[in-house]
Amino acid sequence: PLFIPESYLNRESDHVEGFSPELAVVTQGGGRE
């Protein structure tokens, strides 16, 4: 999938730290949070 739960990235600290400045995060879908 194109969409990945944010919690998945947070499991590997070095990985998420390396990519965090570049992430595009979706917080709303179908008109809801």
All heavy atoms as atom14 arrays in JSON, in Angstrom:
{
  "sequence": "PLFIPESYLNRESDHVEGFSPELAVVTQGGGRE",
  "atom14_mask": [
    [1, 1, 1, 1, 1, 1, 1, 0, 0, 0, 0, 0, 0, 0],
    [1, 1, 1, 1, 1, 1, 1, 1, 0, 0, 0, 0, 0, 0],
    [1, 1, 1, 1, 1, 1, 1, 1, 1, 1, 1, 0, 0, 0],
    [1, 1, 1, 1, 1, 1, 1, 1, 0, 0, 0, 0, 0, 0],
    [1, 1, 1, 1, 1, 1, 1, 0, 0, 0, 0, 0, 0, 0],
    [1, 1, 1, 1, 1, 1, 1, 1, 1, 0, 0, 0, 0, 0],
    [1, 1, 1, 1, 1, 1, 0, 0, 0, 0, 0, 0, 0, 0],
    [1, 1, 1, 1, 1, 1, 1, 1, 1, 1, 1, 1, 0, 0],
    [1, 1, 1, 1, 1, 1, 1, 1, 0, 0, 0, 0, 0, 0],
    [1, 1, 1, 1, 1, 1, 1, 1, 0, 0, 0, 0, 0, 0],
    [1, 1, 1, 1, 1, 1, 1, 1, 1, 1, 1, 0, 0, 0],
    [1, 1, 1, 1, 1, 1, 1, 1, 1, 0, 0, 0, 0, 0],
    [1, 1, 1, 1, 1, 1, 0, 0, 0, 0, 0, 0, 0, 0],
    [1, 1, 1, 1, 1, 1, 1, 1, 0, 0, 0, 0, 0, 0],
    [1, 1, 1, 1, 1, 1, 1, 1, 1, 1, 0, 0, 0, 0],
    [1, 1, 1, 1, 1, 1, 1, 0, 0, 0, 0, 0, 0, 0],
    [1, 1, 1, 1, 1, 1, 1, 1, 1, 0, 0, 0, 0, 0],
    [1, 1, 1, 1, 0, 0, 0, 0, 0, 0, 0, 0, 0, 0],
    [1, 1, 1, 1, 1, 1, 1, 1, 1, 1, 1, 0, 0, 0],
    [1, 1, 1, 1, 1, 1, 0, 0, 0, 0, 0, 0, 0, 0],
    [1, 1, 1, 1, 1, 1, 1, 0, 0, 0, 0, 0, 0, 0],
    [1, 1, 1, 1, 1, 1, 1, 1, 1, 0, 0, 0, 0, 0],
    [1, 1, 1, 1, 1, 1, 1, 1, 0, 0, 0, 0, 0, 0],
    [1, 1, 1, 1, 1, 0, 0, 0, 0, 0, 0, 0, 0, 0],
    [1, 1, 1, 1, 1, 1, 1, 0, 0, 0, 0, 0, 0, 0],
    [1, 1, 1, 1, 1, 1, 1, 0, 0, 0, 0, 0, 0, 0],
    [1, 1, 1, 1, 1, 1, 1, 0, 0, 0, 0, 0, 0, 0],
    [1, 1, 1, 1, 1, 1, 1, 1, 1, 0, 0, 0, 0, 0],
    [1, 1, 1, 1, 0, 0, 0, 0, 0, 0, 0, 0, 0, 0],
    [1, 1, 1, 1, 0, 0, 0, 0, 0, 0, 0, 0, 0, 0],
    [1, 1, 1, 1, 0, 0, 0, 0, 0, 0, 0, 0, 0, 0],
    [1, 1, 1, 1, 1, 1, 1, 1, 1, 1, 1, 0, 0, 0],
    [1, 1, 1, 1, 1, 1, 1, 1, 1, 0, 0, 0, 0, 0]
  ],
  "atom14_positions": [
    [[0.8, -1.24, 0.0], [0.0, 0.0, 0.0], [0.83, 1.28, 0.0], [1.94, 1.34, 0.54], [-0.82, -0.12, 1.29], [-0.9, -1.58, 1.56], [0.41, -2.13, 1.1], [0.0, 0.0, 0.0], [0.0, 0.0, 0.0], [0.0, 0.0, 0.0], [0.0, 0.0, 0.0], [0.0, 0.0, 0.0], [0.0, 0.0, 0.0], [0.0, 0.0, 0.0]],
    [[0.21, 2.31, -0.58], [0.8, 3.65, -0.59], [0.75, 4.28, 0.79], [1.65, 5.03, 1.17], [0.02, 4.52, -1.59], [0.37, 5.99, -1.69], [1.77, 6.18, -2.26], [-0.65, 6.72, -2.56], [0.0, 0.0, 0.0], [0.0, 0.0, 0.0], [0.0, 0.0, 0.0], [0.0, 0.0, 0.0], [0.0, 0.0, 0.0], [0.0, 0.0, 0.0]],
    [[-0.31, 3.98, 1.56], [-0.48, 4.57, 2.88], [0.04, 3.61, 3.95], [-0.3, 2.43, 3.97], [-1.95, 4.87, 3.15], [-2.52, 5.92, 2.24], [-3.65, 5.65, 1.48], [-1.94, 7.18, 2.13], [-4.19, 6.62, 0.64], [-2.46, 8.14, 1.29], [-3.59, 7.87, 0.54], [0.0, 0.0, 0.0], [0.0, 0.0, 0.0], [0.0, 0.0, 0.0]],
    [[0.84, 4.17, 4.87], [1.48, 3.37, 5.92], [1.09, 3.96, 7.27], [1.24, 5.18, 7.48], [3.01, 3.39, 5.76], [3.41, 2.84, 4.38], [3.69, 2.61, 6.87], [4.89, 3.0, 4.06], [0.0, 0.0, 0.0], [0.0, 0.0, 0.0], [0.0, 0.0, 0.0], [0.0, 0.0, 0.0], [0.0, 0.0, 0.0], [0.0, 0.0, 0.0]],
    [[0.6, 3.16, 8.21], [0.28, 3.69, 9.54], [1.51, 4.35, 10.17], [2.62, 3.8, 10.11], [-0.14, 2.45, 10.33], [-0.6, 1.48, 9.29], [0.28, 1.73, 8.1], [0.0, 0.0, 0.0], [0.0, 0.0, 0.0], [0.0, 0.0, 0.0], [0.0, 0.0, 0.0], [0.0, 0.0, 0.0], [0.0, 0.0, 0.0], [0.0, 0.0, 0.0]],
    [[1.32, 5.51, 10.74], [2.44, 6.24, 11.33], [3.15, 5.4, 12.39], [4.37, 5.48, 12.55], [1.94, 7.55, 11.94], [3.04, 8.5, 12.37], [2.48, 9.81, 12.88], [1.6, 9.79, 13.75], [2.93, 10.88, 12.4], [0.0, 0.0, 0.0], [0.0, 0.0, 0.0], [0.0, 0.0, 0.0], [0.0, 0.0, 0.0], [0.0, 0.0, 0.0]],
    [[2.4, 4.57, 13.1], [3.0, 3.75, 14.15], [4.03, 2.77, 13.6], [4.96, 2.39, 14.3], [1.9, 2.97, 14.9], [1.17, 2.14, 14.01], [0.0, 0.0, 0.0], [0.0, 0.0, 0.0], [0.0, 0.0, 0.0], [0.0, 0.0, 0.0], [0.0, 0.0, 0.0], [0.0, 0.0, 0.0], [0.0, 0.0, 0.0], [0.0, 0.0, 0.0]],
    [[3.87, 2.35, 12.32], [4.84, 1.44, 11.73], [6.21, 2.1, 11.65], [7.23, 1.48, 11.97], [4.39, 1.03, 10.32], [3.35, -0.06, 10.27], [2.37, -0.19, 11.26], [3.31, -0.95, 9.21], [1.4, -1.18, 11.19], [2.35, -1.95, 9.13], [1.39, -2.05, 10.13], [0.44, -3.04, 10.05], [0.0, 0.0, 0.0], [0.0, 0.0, 0.0]],
    [[6.24, 3.35, 11.22], [7.53, 4.03, 11.11], [8.14, 4.28, 12.48], [9.36, 4.26, 12.63], [7.38, 5.36, 10.36], [7.49, 5.27, 8.83], [6.2, 4.73, 8.23], [7.86, 6.61, 8.22], [0.0, 0.0, 0.0], [0.0, 0.0, 0.0], [0.0, 0.0, 0.0], [0.0, 0.0, 0.0], [0.0, 0.0, 0.0], [0.0, 0.0, 0.0]],
    [[7.31, 4.51, 13.47], [7.82, 4.83, 14.81], [8.47, 3.63, 15.49], [9.14, 3.78, 16.51], [6.69, 5.37, 15.69], [6.23, 6.75, 15.25], [7.0, 7.51, 14.67], [4.98, 7.07, 15.52], [0.0, 0.0, 0.0], [0.0, 0.0, 0.0], [0.0, 0.0, 0.0], [0.0, 0.0, 0.0], [0.0, 0.0, 0.0], [0.0, 0.0, 0.0]],
    [[8.31, 2.44, 14.92], [8.9, 1.26, 15.56], [10.42, 1.22, 15.43], [11.08, 0.6, 16.25], [8.33, -0.02, 14.93], [6.85, -0.25, 15.23], [6.47, -1.66, 14.83], [5.03, -1.81, 14.65], [4.43, -2.94, 14.35], [5.15, -4.04, 14.17], [3.12, -3.01, 14.19], [0.0, 0.0, 0.0], [0.0, 0.0, 0.0], [0.0, 0.0, 0.0]],
    [[10.95, 1.83, 14.36], [12.4, 1.82, 14.15], [12.9, 3.25, 14.27], [12.72, 4.07, 13.37], [12.74, 1.22, 12.78], [13.99, 0.35, 12.75], [15.27, 1.13, 12.97], [15.27, 2.36, 12.77], [16.27, 0.5, 13.37], [0.0, 0.0, 0.0], [0.0, 0.0, 0.0], [0.0, 0.0, 0.0], [0.0, 0.0, 0.0], [0.0, 0.0, 0.0]],
    [[13.54, 3.59, 15.4], [13.84, 4.98, 15.73], [14.77, 5.64, 14.71], [14.54, 6.77, 14.29], [14.44, 5.07, 17.13], [15.62, 4.28, 17.23], [0.0, 0.0, 0.0], [0.0, 0.0, 0.0], [0.0, 0.0, 0.0], [0.0, 0.0, 0.0], [0.0, 0.0, 0.0], [0.0, 0.0, 0.0], [0.0, 0.0, 0.0], [0.0, 0.0, 0.0]],
    [[15.86, 4.94, 14.3], [16.78, 5.54, 13.34], [16.09, 5.79, 12.0], [16.33, 6.81, 11.34], [17.99, 4.62, 13.11], [18.91, 4.56, 14.33], [18.83, 5.48, 15.17], [19.7, 3.61, 14.43], [0.0, 0.0, 0.0], [0.0, 0.0, 0.0], [0.0, 0.0, 0.0], [0.0, 0.0, 0.0], [0.0, 0.0, 0.0], [0.0, 0.0, 0.0]],
    [[15.23, 4.87, 11.62], [14.54, 4.98, 10.34], [13.6, 6.18, 10.33], [13.66, 7.01, 9.41], [13.75, 3.68, 10.11], [13.2, 3.54, 8.72], [13.99, 3.35, 7.62], [11.91, 3.55, 8.27], [13.24, 3.25, 6.54], [11.97, 3.36, 6.91], [0.0, 0.0, 0.0], [0.0, 0.0, 0.0], [0.0, 0.0, 0.0], [0.0, 0.0, 0.0]],
    [[12.77, 6.31, 11.33], [11.82, 7.42, 11.34], [12.54, 8.75, 11.51], [12.15, 9.76, 10.91], [10.74, 7.22, 12.43], [11.32, 7.37, 13.83], [9.59, 8.2, 12.22], [0.0, 0.0, 0.0], [0.0, 0.0, 0.0], [0.0, 0.0, 0.0], [0.0, 0.0, 0.0], [0.0, 0.0, 0.0], [0.0, 0.0, 0.0], [0.0, 0.0, 0.0]],
    [[13.61, 8.76, 12.29], [14.36, 10.01, 12.46], [14.98, 10.45, 11.14], [15.0, 11.64, 10.82], [15.45, 9.82, 13.52], [16.24, 11.1, 13.8], [17.31, 10.88, 14.87], [17.32, 9.8, 15.51], [18.13, 11.79, 15.05], [0.0, 0.0, 0.0], [0.0, 0.0, 0.0], [0.0, 0.0, 0.0], [0.0, 0.0, 0.0], [0.0, 0.0, 0.0]],
    [[15.48, 9.48, 10.37], [16.1, 9.81, 9.1], [15.12, 10.35, 8.08], [15.47, 11.17, 7.23], [0.0, 0.0, 0.0], [0.0, 0.0, 0.0], [0.0, 0.0, 0.0], [0.0, 0.0, 0.0], [0.0, 0.0, 0.0], [0.0, 0.0, 0.0], [0.0, 0.0, 0.0], [0.0, 0.0, 0.0], [0.0, 0.0, 0.0], [0.0, 0.0, 0.0]],
    [[13.87, 9.9, 8.14], [12.89, 10.3, 7.14], [11.92, 11.37, 7.61], [11.2, 11.95, 6.78], [12.09, 9.08, 6.67], [12.81, 8.26, 5.65], [13.39, 7.05, 6.0], [12.92, 8.69, 4.34], [14.08, 6.3, 5.05], [13.59, 7.94, 3.38], [14.17, 6.74, 3.74], [0.0, 0.0, 0.0], [0.0, 0.0, 0.0], [0.0, 0.0, 0.0]],
    [[11.87, 11.67, 8.89], [10.82, 12.56, 9.41], [10.75, 13.92, 8.72], [9.64, 14.44, 8.51], [10.97, 12.73, 10.93], [12.24, 13.25, 11.25], [0.0, 0.0, 0.0], [0.0, 0.0, 0.0], [0.0, 0.0, 0.0], [0.0, 0.0, 0.0], [0.0, 0.0, 0.0], [0.0, 0.0, 0.0], [0.0, 0.0, 0.0], [0.0, 0.0, 0.0]],
    [[11.87, 14.56, 8.33], [11.73, 15.87, 7.67], [11.08, 15.78, 6.29], [10.64, 16.8, 5.76], [13.19, 16.36, 7.54], [13.98, 15.52, 8.48], [13.28, 14.19, 8.53], [0.0, 0.0, 0.0], [0.0, 0.0, 0.0], [0.0, 0.0, 0.0], [0.0, 0.0, 0.0], [0.0, 0.0, 0.0], [0.0, 0.0, 0.0], [0.0, 0.0, 0.0]],
    [[11.03, 14.58, 5.71], [10.56, 14.42, 4.34], [9.16, 13.83, 4.26], [8.62, 13.65, 3.17], [11.51, 13.5, 3.56], [12.96, 13.99, 3.53], [13.89, 12.98, 2.9], [13.6, 11.76, 2.99], [14.89, 13.38, 2.3], [0.0, 0.0, 0.0], [0.0, 0.0, 0.0], [0.0, 0.0, 0.0], [0.0, 0.0, 0.0], [0.0, 0.0, 0.0]],
    [[8.54, 13.52, 5.4], [7.29, 12.77, 5.38], [6.09, 13.65, 4.99], [5.99, 14.81, 5.4], [7.03, 12.15, 6.75], [8.03, 11.1, 7.23], [7.6, 10.56, 8.59], [8.15, 9.96, 6.23], [0.0, 0.0, 0.0], [0.0, 0.0, 0.0], [0.0, 0.0, 0.0], [0.0, 0.0, 0.0], [0.0, 0.0, 0.0], [0.0, 0.0, 0.0]],
    [[5.19, 13.06, 4.21], [3.88, 13.64, 3.97], [2.88, 12.82, 4.78], [2.78, 11.61, 4.61], [3.53, 13.59, 2.48], [0.0, 0.0, 0.0], [0.0, 0.0, 0.0], [0.0, 0.0, 0.0], [0.0, 0.0, 0.0], [0.0, 0.0, 0.0], [0.0, 0.0, 0.0], [0.0, 0.0, 0.0], [0.0, 0.0, 0.0], [0.0, 0.0, 0.0]],
    [[2.15, 13.47, 5.68], [1.28, 12.77, 6.63], [-0.17, 13.17, 6.37], [-0.5, 14.35, 6.26], [1.67, 13.1, 8.08], [0.8, 12.33, 9.06], [3.15, 12.77, 8.32], [0.0, 0.0, 0.0], [0.0, 0.0, 0.0], [0.0, 0.0, 0.0], [0.0, 0.0, 0.0], [0.0, 0.0, 0.0], [0.0, 0.0, 0.0], [0.0, 0.0, 0.0]],
    [[-1.05, 12.17, 6.28], [-2.48, 12.39, 6.07], [-3.19, 12.26, 7.42], [-3.03, 11.24, 8.11], [-3.07, 11.36, 5.08], [-4.56, 11.6, 4.89], [-2.35, 11.45, 3.74], [0.0, 0.0, 0.0], [0.0, 0.0, 0.0], [0.0, 0.0, 0.0], [0.0, 0.0, 0.0], [0.0, 0.0, 0.0], [0.0, 0.0, 0.0], [0.0, 0.0, 0.0]],
    [[-3.92, 13.29, 7.8], [-4.63, 13.27, 9.09], [-6.15, 13.24, 8.94], [-6.85, 13.01, 9.91], [-4.23, 14.49, 9.93], [-4.57, 15.68, 9.21], [-2.74, 14.48, 10.24], [0.0, 0.0, 0.0], [0.0, 0.0, 0.0], [0.0, 0.0, 0.0], [0.0, 0.0, 0.0], [0.0, 0.0, 0.0], [0.0, 0.0, 0.0], [0.0, 0.0, 0.0]],
    [[-6.66, 13.49, 7.73], [-8.1, 13.46, 7.5], [-8.41, 12.58, 6.31], [-7.64, 12.5, 5.34], [-8.64, 14.86, 7.23], [-8.63, 15.77, 8.44], [-9.36, 17.07, 8.18], [-9.74, 17.37, 7.06], [-9.58, 17.84, 9.24], [0.0, 0.0, 0.0], [0.0, 0.0, 0.0], [0.0, 0.0, 0.0], [0.0, 0.0, 0.0], [0.0, 0.0, 0.0]],
    [[-9.55, 11.91, 6.36], [-10.01, 11.07, 5.25], [-11.52, 10.94, 5.32], [-12.08, 10.76, 6.4], [0.0, 0.0, 0.0], [0.0, 0.0, 0.0], [0.0, 0.0, 0.0], [0.0, 0.0, 0.0], [0.0, 0.0, 0.0], [0.0, 0.0, 0.0], [0.0, 0.0, 0.0], [0.0, 0.0, 0.0], [0.0, 0.0, 0.0], [0.0, 0.0, 0.0]],
    [[-12.19, 11.05, 4.17], [-13.64, 10.95, 4.16], [-14.32, 12.05, 4.96], [-15.42, 11.85, 5.48], [0.0, 0.0, 0.0], [0.0, 0.0, 0.0], [0.0, 0.0, 0.0], [0.0, 0.0, 0.0], [0.0, 0.0, 0.0], [0.0, 0.0, 0.0], [0.0, 0.0, 0.0], [0.0, 0.0, 0.0], [0.0, 0.0, 0.0], [0.0, 0.0, 0.0]],
    [[-13.64, 13.18, 5.1], [-14.23, 14.3, 5.83], [-14.1, 14.2, 7.34], [-14.66, 15.02, 8.06], [0.0, 0.0, 0.0], [0.0, 0.0, 0.0], [0.0, 0.0, 0.0], [0.0, 0.0, 0.0], [0.0, 0.0, 0.0], [0.0, 0.0, 0.0], [0.0, 0.0, 0.0], [0.0, 0.0, 0.0], [0.0, 0.0, 0.0], [0.0, 0.0, 0.0]],
    [[-13.34, 13.22, 7.82], [-13.18, 13.04, 9.27], [-11.71, 12.94, 9.65], [-10.87, 12.56, 8.85], [-13.9, 11.76, 9.72], [-15.4, 11.78, 9.5], [-16.03, 10.5, 10.02], [-17.48, 10.49, 9.83], [-18.27, 9.51, 10.22], [-17.74, 8.43, 10.82], [-19.58, 9.56, 10.01], [0.0, 0.0, 0.0], [0.0, 0.0, 0.0], [0.0, 0.0, 0.0]],
    [[-11.46, 13.27, 10.91], [-10.12, 13.09, 11.47], [-9.84, 11.59, 11.58], [-10.66, 10.83, 12.09], [-10.04, 13.74, 12.85], [-8.62, 13.93, 13.36], [-7.95, 15.15, 12.77], [-8.64, 16.0, 12.16], [-6.72, 15.24, 12.91], [0.0, 0.0, 0.0], [0.0, 0.0, 0.0], [0.0, 0.0, 0.0], [0.0, 0.0, 0.0], [0.0, 0.0, 0.0]]
  ]
}
